[in-house]
C-alpha atoms as a PDB file:
ATOM      1  CA  MET A   1      -0.001  -0.047   0.000  1.00  0.00           C
ATOM      2  CA  ASN A   2       1.374   3.415  -0.965  1.00  0.00           C
ATOM      3  CA  ILE A   3       0.602   6.290   1.391  1.00  0.00           C
ATOM      4  CA  SER A   4       1.823   9.727   0.451  1.00  0.00           C
ATOM      5  CA  LYS A   5       1.724  12.515   3.039  1.00  0.00           C
ATOM      6  CA  HIS A   6       0.982  16.066   1.956  1.00  0.00           C
ATOM      7  CA  SER A   7       1.945  18.188   4.897  1.00  0.00           C
ATOM      8  CA  PRO A   8       0.752  21.682   3.743  1.00  0.00           C
ATOM      9  CA  ALA A   9      -2.812  20.431   3.460  1.00  0.00           C
ATOM     10  CA  LEU A  10      -2.683  19.046   6.942  1.00  0.00           C
ATOM     11  CA  ASN A  11      -2.246  22.508   8.326  1.00  0.00           C
ATOM     12  CA  ARG A  12      -5.928  23.133   7.575  1.00  0.00           C
ATOM     13  CA  PRO A  13      -8.711  21.246   9.323  1.00  0.00           C
ATOM     14  CA  MET A  14     -10.441  18.718   7.158  1.00  0.00           C
ATOM     15  CA  ILE A  15     -13.377  18.308   9.472  1.00  0.00           C
ATOM     16  CA  ALA A  16     -15.108  20.178  12.205  1.00  0.00           C
ATOM     17  CA  LYS A  17     -12.693  19.680  15.119  1.00  0.00           C
ATOM     18  CA  GLY A  18      -9.353  17.937  14.772  1.00  0.00           C
ATOM     19  CA  ASP A  19      -9.289  14.312  13.782  1.00  0.00           C
ATOM     20  CA  PRO A  20     -12.100  12.503  15.596  1.00  0.00           C
ATOM     21  CA  PHE A  21     -11.222   9.145  13.971  1.00  0.00           C
ATOM     22  CA  GLY A  22      -7.443   9.239  14.275  1.00  0.00           C
ATOM     23  CA  ARG A  23      -6.858   7.402  17.538  1.00  0.00           C
ATOM     24  CA  PRO A  24      -5.184   4.113  16.662  1.00  0.00           C
ATOM     25  CA  ALA A  25      -7.610   1.929  18.659  1.00  0.00           C
ATOM     26  CA  GLN A  26     -10.626   3.805  17.241  1.00  0.00           C
ATOM     27  CA  ALA A  27      -9.167   3.453  13.638  1.00  0.00           C
ATOM     28  CA  GLU A  28      -8.805  -0.350  14.229  1.00  0.00           C
ATOM     29  CA  GLY A  29     -12.359  -0.454  15.525  1.00  0.00           C
ATOM     30  CA  TYR A  30     -13.547   1.457  12.486  1.00  0.00           C
ATOM     31  CA  SER A  31     -12.033  -1.175  10.189  1.00  0.00           C
ATOM     32  CA  ALA A  32     -13.354  -4.097  12.290  1.00  0.00           C
ATOM     33  CA  PHE A  33     -16.847  -3.014  13.214  1.00  0.00           C
ATOM     34  CA  ARG A  34     -18.197  -0.463  10.685  1.00  0.00           C
ATOM     35  CA  PRO A  35     -20.833  -2.011   8.459  1.00  0.00           C
ATOM     36  CA  ASN A  36     -19.826  -2.760   4.891  1.00  0.00           C
ATOM     37  CA  TYR A  37     -21.796  -1.238   2.022  1.00  0.00           C
ATOM     38  CA  PRO A  38     -24.063  -3.898   0.524  1.00  0.00           C
ATOM     39  CA  ASP A  39     -23.020  -5.620  -2.685  1.00  0.00           C
ATOM     40  CA  ALA A  40     -26.410  -4.746  -4.104  1.00  0.00           C
ATOM     41  CA  LEU A  41     -25.906  -1.035  -3.556  1.00  0.00           C
ATOM     42  CA  MET A  42     -22.365  -1.083  -4.970  1.00  0.00           C
ATOM     43  CA  ALA A  43     -23.578  -3.085  -7.998  1.00  0.00           C
ATOM     44  CA  GLY A  44     -26.090  -0.353  -8.617  1.00  0.00           C
ATOM     45  CA  VAL A  45     -23.388   2.281  -8.272  1.00  0.00           C
ATOM     46  CA  GLU A  46     -21.357   0.399 -10.876  1.00  0.00           C
ATOM     47  CA  VAL A  47     -24.239   0.287 -13.304  1.00  0.00           C
ATOM     48  CA  ILE A  48     -24.942   3.972 -13.074  1.00  0.00           C
ATOM     49  CA  LEU A  49     -21.326   5.023 -13.338  1.00  0.00           C
ATOM     50  CA  ARG A  50     -20.761   2.755 -16.330  1.00  0.00           C
ATOM     51  CA  ALA A  51     -23.795   4.149 -17.983  1.00  0.00           C
ATOM     52  CA  GLN A  52     -22.387   7.679 -17.524  1.00  0.00           C
ATOM     53  CA  GLY A  53     -19.156   6.634 -19.218  1.00  0.00           C
ATOM     54  CA  CYS A  54     -17.081   7.197 -16.037  1.00  0.00           C
ATOM     55  CA  MET A  55     -15.143   3.909 -16.263  1.00  0.00           C
ATOM     56  CA  ASP A  56     -13.798   4.353 -19.794  1.00  0.00           C
ATOM     57  CA  SER A  57     -10.137   3.348 -19.806  1.00  0.00           C
ATOM     58  CA  ARG A  58      -9.691   4.984 -23.144  1.00  0.00           C
ATOM     59  CA  ALA A  59      -9.865   8.433 -21.474  1.00  0.00           C
ATOM     60  CA  LYS A  60      -6.621  10.384 -21.308  1.00  0.00           C
ATOM     61  CA  ASP A  61      -4.465   8.958 -18.434  1.00  0.00           C
ATOM     62  CA  GLY A  62      -7.143   6.233 -17.942  1.00  0.00           C
ATOM     63  CA  SER A  63     -10.104   6.313 -15.530  1.00  0.00           C
ATOM     64  CA  MET A  64      -9.531   7.438 -11.935  1.00  0.00           C
ATOM     65  CA  LEU A  65     -11.602   7.096  -8.785  1.00  0.00           C
ATOM     66  CA  VAL A  66     -10.930   9.476  -5.863  1.00  0.00           C
ATOM     67  CA  ASP A  67     -12.489   8.458  -2.507  1.00  0.00           C
ATOM     68  CA  ILE A  68     -12.417  11.498  -0.171  1.00  0.00           C
ATOM     69  CA  CYS A  69     -12.485  10.725   3.614  1.00  0.00           C
ATOM     70  CA  THR A  70     -11.738   7.154   2.687  1.00  0.00           C
ATOM     71  CA  GLY A  71     -11.215   5.954   6.263  1.00  0.00           C
ATOM     72  CA  SER A  72     -10.311   2.265   6.022  1.00  0.00           C
ATOM     73  CA  GLY A  73     -11.186   2.191   2.339  1.00  0.00           C
ATOM     74  CA  GLN A  74     -14.607   0.476   2.639  1.00  0.00           C
ATOM     75  CA  VAL A  75     -15.945   2.047  -0.541  1.00  0.00           C
ATOM     76  CA  LEU A  76     -12.653   2.126  -2.327  1.00  0.00           C
ATOM     77  CA  ARG A  77     -12.171  -1.615  -2.012  1.00  0.00           C
ATOM     78  CA  LYS A  78     -15.598  -2.169  -3.620  1.00  0.00           C
ATOM     79  CA  LEU A  79     -15.048   0.074  -6.616  1.00  0.00           C
ATOM     80  CA  ALA A  80     -11.374   0.228  -7.260  1.00  0.00           C
ATOM     81  CA  ARG A  81     -11.305  -2.766  -9.665  1.00  0.00           C
ATOM     82  CA  TYR A  82     -13.537  -0.825 -12.112  1.00  0.00           C
ATOM     83  CA  PHE A  83     -10.935   1.937 -12.605  1.00  0.00           C
ATOM     84  CA  ASP A  84      -7.443   2.194 -13.877  1.00  0.00           C
ATOM     85  CA  HIS A  85      -6.364   4.260 -10.838  1.00  0.00           C
ATOM     86  CA  ALA A  86      -7.935   4.584  -7.452  1.00  0.00           C
ATOM     87  CA  LYS A  87      -6.865   7.071  -4.783  1.00  0.00           C
ATOM     88  CA  GLY A  88      -8.108   7.283  -1.207  1.00  0.00           C
ATOM     89  CA  VAL A  89      -7.771  10.561   0.655  1.00  0.00           C
ATOM     90  CA  ASP A  90      -7.944  10.938   4.468  1.00  0.00           C
ATOM     91  CA  GLN A  91      -6.295  13.160   7.011  1.00  0.00           C
ATOM     92  CA  SER A  92      -5.917  10.297   9.503  1.00  0.00           C
ATOM     93  CA  ALA A  93      -2.632   8.325   9.355  1.00  0.00           C
ATOM     94  CA  ALA A  94      -4.191   5.778  11.695  1.00  0.00           C
ATOM     95  CA  GLN A  95      -7.084   5.187   9.417  1.00  0.00           C
ATOM     96  CA  LEU A  96      -4.898   4.802   6.353  1.00  0.00           C
ATOM     97  CA  THR A  97      -2.724   2.314   8.198  1.00  0.00           C
ATOM     98  CA  ASN A  98      -5.793   0.064   8.380  1.00  0.00           C
ATOM     99  CA  ALA A  99      -6.899   0.781   4.822  1.00  0.00           C
ATOM    100  CA  THR A 100      -7.428  -1.875   2.167  1.00  0.00           C
ATOM    101  CA  LYS A 101      -4.491  -2.547  -0.118  1.00  0.00           C
ATOM    102  CA  GLY A 102      -4.682  -2.889  -3.922  1.00  0.00           C
ATOM    103  CA  SER A 103      -2.454  -2.922  -6.945  1.00  0.00           C
ATOM    104  CA  ASN A 104      -4.064   0.142  -8.438  1.00  0.00           C
ATOM    105  CA  VAL A 105      -4.719   1.931  -5.083  1.00  0.00           C
ATOM    106  CA  GLU A 106      -2.779   4.832  -3.572  1.00  0.00           C
ATOM    107  CA  TYR A 107      -3.593   6.541  -0.347  1.00  0.00           C
ATOM    108  CA  LEU A 108      -2.963  10.244   0.322  1.00  0.00           C
ATOM    109  CA  GLN A 109      -2.890  11.702   3.787  1.00  0.00           C
ATOM    110  CA  ALA A 110      -4.409  15.116   3.066  1.00  0.00           C
ATOM    111  CA  ASP A 111      -7.207  17.592   3.660  1.00  0.00           C
ATOM    112  CA  ALA A 112     -10.623  16.726   2.078  1.00  0.00           C
ATOM    113  CA  LEU A 113     -11.029  20.401   1.108  1.00  0.00           C
ATOM    114  CA  SER A 114      -7.628  20.622  -0.484  1.00  0.00           C
ATOM    115  CA  VAL A 115      -6.982  17.351  -2.269  1.00  0.00           C
ATOM    116  CA  PRO A 116      -3.495  17.426  -3.795  1.00  0.00           C
ATOM    117  CA  LEU A 117      -4.473  16.097  -7.238  1.00  0.00           C
ATOM    118  CA  PRO A 118      -4.584  17.961 -10.620  1.00  0.00           C
ATOM    119  CA  ASP A 119      -7.606  19.822 -11.932  1.00  0.00           C
ATOM    120  CA  GLY A 120      -9.864  17.612 -14.009  1.00  0.00           C
ATOM    121  CA  SER A 121      -8.087  14.385 -13.084  1.00  0.00           C
ATOM    122  CA  ALA A 122     -10.951  12.380 -11.491  1.00  0.00           C
ATOM    123  CA  SER A 123     -13.516  10.357 -13.395  1.00  0.00           C
ATOM    124  CA  VAL A 124     -15.496   9.777 -10.196  1.00  0.00           C
ATOM    125  CA  VAL A 125     -15.263  11.237  -6.729  1.00  0.00           C
ATOM    126  CA  THR A 126     -16.876   9.334  -3.814  1.00  0.00           C
ATOM    127  CA  CYS A 127     -17.506  10.509  -0.268  1.00  0.00           C
ATOM    128  CA  ALA A 128     -18.968   7.929   2.141  1.00  0.00           C
ATOM    129  CA  GLN A 129     -20.362   8.605   5.646  1.00  0.00           C
ATOM    130  CA  ALA A 130     -18.423  11.888   5.819  1.00  0.00           C
ATOM    131  CA  MET A 131     -19.919  14.831   3.974  1.00  0.00           C
ATOM    132  CA  HIS A 132     -21.854  15.921   7.068  1.00  0.00           C
ATOM    133  CA  TRP A 133     -18.447  16.591   8.707  1.00  0.00           C
ATOM    134  CA  LEU A 134     -17.360  19.007   5.909  1.00  0.00           C
ATOM    135  CA  ASP A 135     -18.099  22.518   5.006  1.00  0.00           C
ATOM    136  CA  ILE A 136     -20.238  21.382   2.078  1.00  0.00           C
ATOM    137  CA  PRO A 137     -19.935  24.419  -0.281  1.00  0.00           C
ATOM    138  CA  SER A 138     -16.167  24.282   0.040  1.00  0.00           C
ATOM    139  CA  PHE A 139     -16.129  20.532  -0.477  1.00  0.00           C
ATOM    140  CA  LEU A 140     -18.279  20.782  -3.568  1.00  0.00           C
ATOM    141  CA  ARG A 141     -16.033  23.478  -5.051  1.00  0.00           C
ATOM    142  CA  GLY A 142     -13.038  21.236  -4.515  1.00  0.00           C
ATOM    143  CA  VAL A 143     -14.825  18.327  -6.161  1.00  0.00           C
ATOM    144  CA  ASP A 144     -15.763  20.562  -9.090  1.00  0.00           C
ATOM    145  CA  ARG A 145     -12.106  21.331  -9.541  1.00  0.00           C
ATOM    146  CA  LEU A 146     -11.155  17.629  -9.459  1.00  0.00           C
ATOM    147  CA  LEU A 147     -13.754  16.192 -11.732  1.00  0.00           C
ATOM    148  CA  ARG A 148     -13.432  15.740 -15.478  1.00  0.00           C
ATOM    149  CA  PRO A 149     -16.240  17.320 -17.592  1.00  0.00           C
ATOM    150  CA  GLU A 150     -18.180  14.111 -17.599  1.00  0.00           C
ATOM    151  CA  GLY A 151     -17.384  13.233 -14.012  1.00  0.00           C
ATOM    152  CA  VAL A 152     -19.736  12.147 -11.246  1.00  0.00           C
ATOM    153  CA  LEU A 153     -19.769  12.684  -7.520  1.00  0.00           C
ATOM    154  CA  VAL A 154     -21.283   9.909  -5.433  1.00  0.00           C
ATOM    155  CA  VAL A 155     -22.263  10.612  -1.839  1.00  0.00           C
ATOM    156  CA  LEU A 156     -22.849   7.510   0.220  1.00  0.00           C
ATOM    157  CA  GLY A 157     -23.937   6.849   3.775  1.00  0.00           C
ATOM    158  CA  TYR A 158     -26.358   5.300   6.223  1.00  0.00           C
ATOM    159  CA  PRO A 159     -28.439   6.955   8.940  1.00  0.00           C
ATOM    160  CA  ARG A 160     -28.714   5.694  12.503  1.00  0.00           C
ATOM    161  CA  SER A 161     -29.531   2.039  12.654  1.00  0.00           C
ATOM    162  CA  HIS A 162     -32.563   0.621  14.534  1.00  0.00           C
ATOM    163  CA  ILE A 163     -33.917  -2.629  15.896  1.00  0.00           C
ATOM    164  CA  PRO A 164     -37.646  -2.320  15.269  1.00  0.00           C
ATOM    165  CA  LYS A 165     -38.363  -6.083  15.573  1.00  0.00           C
ATOM    166  CA  MET A 166     -37.226  -5.856  19.214  1.00  0.00           C
ATOM    167  CA  PRO A 167     -39.035  -2.776  20.770  1.00  0.00           C
ATOM    168  CA  GLN A 168     -37.155  -3.077  24.104  1.00  0.00           C
ATOM    169  CA  ALA A 169     -33.790  -3.040  22.374  1.00  0.00           C
ATOM    170  CA  ASP A 170     -34.850  -0.318  19.941  1.00  0.00           C
ATOM    171  CA  ALA A 171     -35.951   1.925  22.811  1.00  0.00           C
ATOM    172  CA  ALA A 172     -32.504   1.575  24.419  1.00  0.00           C
ATOM    173  CA  MET A 173     -30.833   2.498  21.175  1.00  0.00           C
ATOM    174  CA  ILE A 174     -33.041   5.570  20.717  1.00  0.00           C
ATOM    175  CA  GLU A 175     -32.269   6.739  24.270  1.00  0.00           C
ATOM    176  CA  TRP A 176     -28.565   6.239  23.670  1.00  0.00           C
ATOM    177  CA  TYR A 177     -28.690   8.265  20.497  1.00  0.00           C
ATOM    178  CA  ALA A 178     -30.450  11.060  22.378  1.00  0.00           C
ATOM    179  CA  SER A 179     -27.676  11.103  25.011  1.00  0.00           C
ATOM    180  CA  LEU A 180     -25.223  12.131  22.326  1.00  0.00           C
ATOM    181  CA  ASP A 181     -27.274  14.853  20.631  1.00  0.00           C
ATOM    182  CA  ASP A 182     -25.342  17.702  22.358  1.00  0.00           C
ATOM    183  CA  VAL A 183     -21.857  16.357  21.684  1.00  0.00           C
ATOM    184  CA  TRP A 184     -21.714  15.895  17.932  1.00  0.00           C
ATOM    185  CA  ASP A 185     -18.970  18.048  16.293  1.00  0.00           C
ATOM    186  CA  CYS A 186     -20.804  17.789  12.958  1.00  0.00           C
ATOM    187  CA  ASP A 187     -24.313  18.157  11.507  1.00  0.00           C
ATOM    188  CA  ARG A 188     -25.368  14.605  12.164  1.00  0.00           C
ATOM    189  CA  ALA A 189     -28.994  15.408  11.299  1.00  0.00           C
ATOM    190  CA  LEU A 190     -27.997  16.026   7.716  1.00  0.00           C
ATOM    191  CA  LEU A 191     -26.775  12.453   7.444  1.00  0.00           C
ATOM    192  CA  ASP A 192     -29.852  11.017   9.193  1.00  0.00           C
ATOM    193  CA  MET A 193     -32.007  12.934   6.696  1.00  0.00           C
ATOM    194  CA  GLU A 194     -29.924  11.595   3.819  1.00  0.00           C
ATOM    195  CA  PHE A 195     -28.908  15.195   2.944  1.00  0.00           C
ATOM    196  CA  ALA A 196     -32.496  16.115   1.983  1.00  0.00           C
ATOM    197  CA  GLY A 197     -32.735  19.776   1.004  1.00  0.00           C
ATOM    198  CA  THR A 198     -28.973  20.168   0.588  1.00  0.00           C
ATOM    199  CA  ASP A 199     -27.835  22.746  -1.997  1.00  0.00           C
ATOM    200  CA  TYR A 200     -25.409  20.818  -4.190  1.00  0.00           C
ATOM    201  CA  THR A 201     -24.366  23.815  -6.332  1.00  0.00           C
ATOM    202  CA  PRO A 202     -22.538  23.530  -8.831  1.00  0.00           C
ATOM    203  CA  PHE A 203     -23.945  20.018  -9.112  1.00  0.00           C
ATOM    204  CA  VAL A 204     -27.409  18.558  -9.523  1.00  0.00           C
ATOM    205  CA  GLN A 205     -28.718  15.219  -8.331  1.00  0.00           C
ATOM    206  CA  PHE A 206     -29.621  12.880 -11.140  1.00  0.00           C
ATOM    207  CA  SER A 207     -30.184   9.563  -9.339  1.00  0.00           C
ATOM    208  CA  LYS A 208     -30.388   8.007  -5.906  1.00  0.00           C
ATOM    209  CA  GLN A 209     -30.296   4.405  -4.784  1.00  0.00           C
ATOM    210  CA  LYS A 210     -31.186   2.837  -1.447  1.00  0.00           C
ATOM    211  CA  VAL A 211     -30.695  -0.661  -0.039  1.00  0.00           C
ATOM    212  CA  GLU A 212     -32.043  -1.773   3.317  1.00  0.00           C
ATOM    213  CA  GLU A 213     -30.335  -4.647   5.112  1.00  0.00           C
ATOM    214  CA  THR A 214     -30.810  -6.457   8.371  1.00  0.00           C
ATOM    215  CA  HIS A 215     -27.529  -7.396  10.093  1.00  0.00           C
ATOM    216  CA  MET A 216     -27.647 -10.106  12.725  1.00  0.00           C
ATOM    217  CA  MET A 217     -25.231  -8.722  15.287  1.00  0.00           C
ATOM    218  CA  SER A 218     -24.102  -9.792  18.732  1.00  0.00           C
ATOM    219  CA  VAL A 219     -24.282  -7.155  21.446  1.00  0.00           C
ATOM    220  CA  GLU A 220     -20.489  -7.105  21.485  1.00  0.00           C
ATOM    221  CA  HIS A 221     -20.297  -6.374  17.775  1.00  0.00           C
ATOM    222  CA  LEU A 222     -22.936  -3.669  17.886  1.00  0.00           C
ATOM    223  CA  VAL A 223     -21.285  -2.027  20.922  1.00  0.00           C
ATOM    224  CA  GLY A 224     -17.920  -2.250  19.127  1.00  0.00           C
ATOM    225  CA  TYR A 225     -19.457  -0.378  16.195  1.00  0.00           C
ATOM    226  CA  LEU A 226     -20.982   2.308  18.403  1.00  0.00           C
ATOM    227  CA  ASP A 227     -17.703   2.666  20.305  1.00  0.00           C
ATOM    228  CA  THR A 228     -16.207   3.989  17.032  1.00  0.00           C
ATOM    229  CA  TRP A 229     -18.535   6.976  16.983  1.00  0.00           C
ATOM    230  CA  SER A 230     -16.718  10.207  17.551  1.00  0.00           C
ATOM    231  CA  SER A 231     -19.703  11.573  19.504  1.00  0.00           C
ATOM    232  CA  PHE A 232     -19.303   8.812  22.070  1.00  0.00           C
ATOM    233  CA  ARG A 233     -15.544   9.508  22.385  1.00  0.00           C
ATOM    234  CA  THR A 234     -16.454  13.205  22.989  1.00  0.00           C
ATOM    235  CA  TRP A 235     -19.104  12.214  25.581  1.00  0.00           C
ATOM    236  CA  LYS A 236     -16.438  10.195  27.423  1.00  0.00           C
ATOM    237  CA  GLU A 237     -14.117  13.175  27.437  1.00  0.00           C
ATOM    238  CA  HIS A 238     -16.882  15.309  28.952  1.00  0.00           C
ATOM    239  CA  HIS A 239     -17.812  12.592  31.503  1.00  0.00           C
ATOM    240  CA  PRO A 240     -14.547  10.907  32.548  1.00  0.00           C
ATOM    241  CA  ASP A 241     -15.872   9.921  35.976  1.00  0.00           C
ATOM    242  CA  VAL A 242     -19.181   8.412  34.947  1.00  0.00           C
ATOM    243  CA  ASN A 243     -19.080   4.629  35.606  1.00  0.00           C
ATOM    244  CA  PRO A 244     -20.732   2.717  33.980  1.00  0.00           C
ATOM    245  CA  ASP A 245     -20.637   4.942  30.959  1.00  0.00           C
ATOM    246  CA  THR A 246     -23.526   5.419  28.613  1.00  0.00           C
ATOM    247  CA  LEU A 247     -22.410   2.652  26.175  1.00  0.00           C
ATOM    248  CA  GLN A 248     -21.910   0.171  29.087  1.00  0.00           C
ATOM    249  CA  VAL A 249     -25.473   0.953  30.135  1.00  0.00           C
ATOM    250  CA  LEU A 250     -26.700   0.403  26.605  1.00  0.00           C
ATOM    251  CA  SER A 251     -24.842  -2.925  26.442  1.00  0.00           C
ATOM    252  CA  ALA A 252     -26.583  -4.159  29.616  1.00  0.00           C
ATOM    253  CA  ARG A 253     -29.938  -3.083  28.255  1.00  0.00           C
ATOM    254  CA  LEU A 254     -29.431  -4.892  24.981  1.00  0.00           C
ATOM    255  CA  GLN A 255     -28.375  -8.004  26.812  1.00  0.00           C
ATOM    256  CA  ALA A 256     -31.528  -7.776  28.878  1.00  0.00           C
ATOM    257  CA  ALA A 257     -33.660  -7.322  25.747  1.00  0.00           C
ATOM    258  CA  LEU A 258     -32.096 -10.479  24.281  1.00  0.00           C
ATOM    259  CA  ALA A 259     -32.744 -12.416  27.483  1.00  0.00           C
ATOM    260  CA  ALA A 260     -36.399 -11.213  27.396  1.00  0.00           C
ATOM    261  CA  GLU A 261     -36.743 -12.814  23.881  1.00  0.00           C
ATOM    262  CA  GLY A 262     -36.130 -16.272  25.296  1.00  0.00           C
ATOM    263  CA  GLU A 263     -33.341 -18.677  25.881  1.00  0.00           C
ATOM    264  CA  GLY A 264     -30.849 -19.157  23.073  1.00  0.00           C
ATOM    265  CA  ARG A 265     -31.339 -15.741  21.467  1.00  0.00           C
ATOM    266  CA  THR A 266     -27.870 -14.261  20.949  1.00  0.00           C
ATOM    267  CA  LEU A 267     -28.120 -11.891  17.957  1.00  0.00           C
ATOM    268  CA  LEU A 268     -29.919  -8.604  17.401  1.00  0.00           C
ATOM    269  CA  PRO A 269     -31.639  -7.882  14.066  1.00  0.00           C
ATOM    270  CA  VAL A 270     -30.134  -4.472  13.436  1.00  0.00           C
ATOM    271  CA  GLU A 271     -31.527  -2.660  10.447  1.00  0.00           C
ATOM    272  CA  PHE A 272     -29.448  -0.365   8.330  1.00  0.00           C
ATOM    273  CA  SER A 273     -30.545   1.782   5.317  1.00  0.00           C
ATOM    274  CA  PHE A 274     -27.702   2.522   2.929  1.00  0.00           C
ATOM    275  CA  PHE A 275     -27.945   5.215   0.217  1.00  0.00           C
ATOM    276  CA  ALA A 276     -25.982   6.526  -2.705  1.00  0.00           C
ATOM    277  CA  ILE A 277     -26.674   9.992  -4.219  1.00  0.00           C
ATOM    278  CA  PHE A 278     -25.388  10.703  -7.730  1.00  0.00           C
ATOM    279  CA  LEU A 279     -24.432  14.248  -8.685  1.00  0.00           C
ATOM    280  CA  ARG A 280     -23.079  15.851 -11.818  1.00  0.00           C
ATOM    281  CA  ARG A 281     -22.838  19.280 -13.342  1.00  0.00           C
ATOM    282  CA  PRO A 282     -26.059  20.489 -15.167  1.00  0.00           C
ATOM    283  CA  GLY A 283     -26.061  19.192 -18.730  1.00  0.00           C
ATOM    284  CA  ASP A 284     -23.301  16.720 -18.164  1.00  0.00           C
ATOM    285  CA  GLY A 285     -23.607  12.971 -18.508  1.00  0.00           C
ATOM    286  CA  ARG A 286     -25.810  10.631 -20.348  1.00  0.00           C
ATOM    287  CA  ALA A 287     -29.395   9.597 -19.867  1.00  0.00           C
ATOM    288  CA  SER A 288     -29.773   7.768 -16.572  1.00  0.00           C
ATOM    289  CA  LYS A 289     -30.582   4.056 -16.810  1.00  0.00           C
END
């Protein structure tokens, strides 16, 4: 894996406050516990991008994917094989250490708002589970600079998960979410609304896909995922003496909910809703399929 460091860009904050995902243990947890984007969603992404001509290797310098705020490369590893070149950008060295390797993949430690790549070099830019952290107008201006004339921006994500088939567990999750409302360093509501009402200037949305999945998760795995949330890390910093902490309380409540379901029940049916929003400049691209 090739990781290039671009120090000048690191002097400017990529996201709201510092690097909320840069602690080594948290970066490892991010790679281990964050849900993977469904194959069905990524197959749909491939179909739309191919229909738009974004994967044409005959283009000058070949096709190139740029995944901004790549984290551990969850999206990059799903899409890199369709492009001649794939570059993942993240400010966190710890995240990039855990990122997926690939023969055509290069990682850049750099600012999401100042990506050190040439103008018009990207066929596709992706940003997954991260745009709500960014100054969106500045981010979109940067993407506009990076994209080729026919290029496409894909914004991916998933709102808060729920456990509707187990009301006792779902109520515990909802209360835990509410306990973090005041400590988010980003506009979390934007993500949970799937960026509804967002001004995407200079781009327009031309397609959107959604896939819903139920993940059967142990309490330990679900808690491991929630432990990667930056808001929980901030909550712990604000409440260092609270014991048990809010996540330990949630864990106990989830275990109790499982026990109430009957002997032998060990997994929670956690529902995720994944989305992909497709953006391009007005007048660019081909008819959507």
